[in-house]
Structures are given as C-alpha cells and as structure tokens.
Protein backbone atom coordinates (compact mmCIF):
# COMPACT_ATOMS: atom_id res chain seq x y z
CA MET A 1 -9.02 8.42 -16.77
CA LEU A 2 -8.01 8.22 -13.12
CA ILE A 3 -5.09 5.82 -12.70
CA THR A 4 -5.23 4.04 -9.35
CA ILE A 5 -3.38 1.18 -7.71
CA ASP A 6 -6.21 -1.13 -8.75
CA VAL A 7 -6.06 -0.04 -12.40
CA VAL A 8 -2.31 -0.67 -12.64
CA SER A 9 -2.60 -3.99 -10.79
CA GLU A 10 -5.37 -5.14 -13.12
CA LYS A 11 -3.21 -4.42 -16.17
CA LEU A 12 -0.23 -6.25 -14.68
CA LEU A 13 -2.40 -9.27 -13.93
CA LYS A 14 -3.77 -9.25 -17.48
CA TYR A 15 -0.20 -9.28 -18.76
CA ILE A 16 0.88 -12.08 -16.41
CA ASN A 17 -2.16 -14.14 -17.46
CA ARG A 18 -1.37 -13.48 -21.15
CA GLU A 19 -4.59 -11.61 -21.78
CA ILE A 20 -2.51 -8.74 -23.20
CA THR A 21 0.94 -8.63 -24.77
CA VAL A 22 3.95 -6.73 -23.49
CA ALA A 23 3.50 -4.34 -26.42
CA GLU A 24 -0.09 -3.62 -25.35
CA LEU A 25 1.01 -3.13 -21.74
CA VAL A 26 3.81 -0.76 -22.79
CA ASP A 27 1.48 1.21 -25.06
CA TRP A 28 -1.10 1.52 -22.29
CA SER A 29 1.55 2.61 -19.79
CA GLU A 30 2.94 5.28 -22.12
CA ARG A 31 -0.55 6.65 -22.80
CA MET A 32 -1.37 6.76 -19.08
CA ILE A 33 1.84 8.62 -18.27
CA CYS A 34 1.01 11.22 -20.93
CA LYS A 35 -2.76 11.53 -20.61
CA GLY A 36 -3.86 9.78 -17.43
CA GLU A 37 -4.54 11.43 -14.11
CA LEU A 38 -2.68 9.63 -11.33
CA GLU A 39 -4.34 9.04 -7.99
CA GLU A 40 -2.84 11.92 -6.03
CA SER A 41 -2.00 10.03 -2.83
CA GLN A 42 -0.09 7.37 -4.82
CA ALA A 43 1.20 9.48 -7.72
CA GLU A 44 4.92 8.93 -7.07
CA LEU A 45 4.60 5.14 -6.81
CA LEU A 46 2.31 4.92 -9.84
CA ARG A 47 4.56 7.17 -11.95
CA ASP A 48 7.59 5.03 -11.03
CA ILE A 49 5.89 1.76 -11.95
CA LEU A 50 4.33 3.11 -15.15
CA GLY A 51 7.72 4.53 -16.15
CA HIS A 52 9.39 1.16 -15.77
CA ILE A 53 6.60 -0.62 -17.62
CA GLY A 54 6.88 1.95 -20.41
CA LEU A 55 10.46 0.81 -21.00
CA ALA A 56 9.63 -2.90 -21.09
CA ASP A 57 9.84 -3.03 -24.88
CA VAL A 58 13.49 -1.98 -24.78
CA LYS A 59 15.67 -5.11 -24.78
CA GLU A 60 17.99 -3.79 -22.08
CA PHE A 61 15.09 -3.26 -19.67
CA GLY A 62 12.44 -5.89 -20.45
CA LEU A 63 9.78 -6.99 -17.97
CA THR A 64 10.40 -10.10 -15.89
CA TRP A 65 8.17 -12.11 -13.61
CA ASP A 66 10.21 -10.70 -10.70
CA ASP A 67 9.47 -7.16 -11.88
CA CYS A 68 5.73 -7.86 -11.98
CA TYR A 69 5.89 -9.53 -8.57
CA GLU A 70 7.67 -6.53 -7.05
CA TYR A 71 5.28 -4.03 -8.65
CA LEU A 72 2.23 -5.90 -7.36
CA LYS A 73 3.83 -6.17 -3.91
CA LYS A 74 4.49 -2.39 -3.88
CA LEU A 75 0.86 -1.87 -4.89
CA GLY A 76 -0.26 -3.78 -1.79
CA TYR A 77 -0.94 -7.21 -3.24
CA GLN A 78 0.21 -10.55 -1.92
CA VAL A 79 1.20 -12.57 -4.96
CA SER A 80 0.84 -16.32 -5.27
CA VAL A 81 0.77 -18.57 -8.30
CA GLU A 82 -1.78 -21.28 -8.94
CA ALA A 83 -1.60 -23.64 -11.87
CA THR A 84 -4.30 -26.02 -13.01
CA LYS A 85 -3.79 -28.88 -15.41
CA ARG A 86 -5.73 -28.69 -18.63
CA ALA A 87 -7.99 -31.57 -19.45
CA SER A 88 -6.59 -33.84 -22.16
C-alpha cells in the first residue's frame, strides 16, 4: 500500500472523530512503517509522523490533540473544529 499525506491525514481524522481507537491507530502506524511504501517525495515527513504515532500507546508519549493538530498542519491541512449539538 502506498502511504501518502492523504492516507495519514485520513487516519488521524478518523482517530480525532473517534471512528478508530488509539490502539487501532498505533497498530496501523506500526504496520505501515514495516510494510507500507511511503510516498517518495514525502517519505521523511511521513516516517517521522508514523513513528510518533506508533509510540502513542506508551504512557510517556501518548497522543494529544495538539500532536494531531501539528501533524495535520505539517501534512498541509488547516485544522478547525466544529461542534454540533445533538438533538434531545
């Protein structure tokens, strides 16, 4: 699988939106580092971000909202938050 900026961004957004757990994100990241093919022009950036995500299940490292914000920013995204109230 070719790992691109869009692929990594999509996974981060799924995590932020609670569509996947941190454990699932970490597992995915570790598998992509080992078996994925990184987009050549962005390989260094992608390897760095995937490496940090791969450590997110270690208490000393974790994965904060600020981390996700910075990763998405480095990947070329402008991040904003929108909340909608659920109907009662």
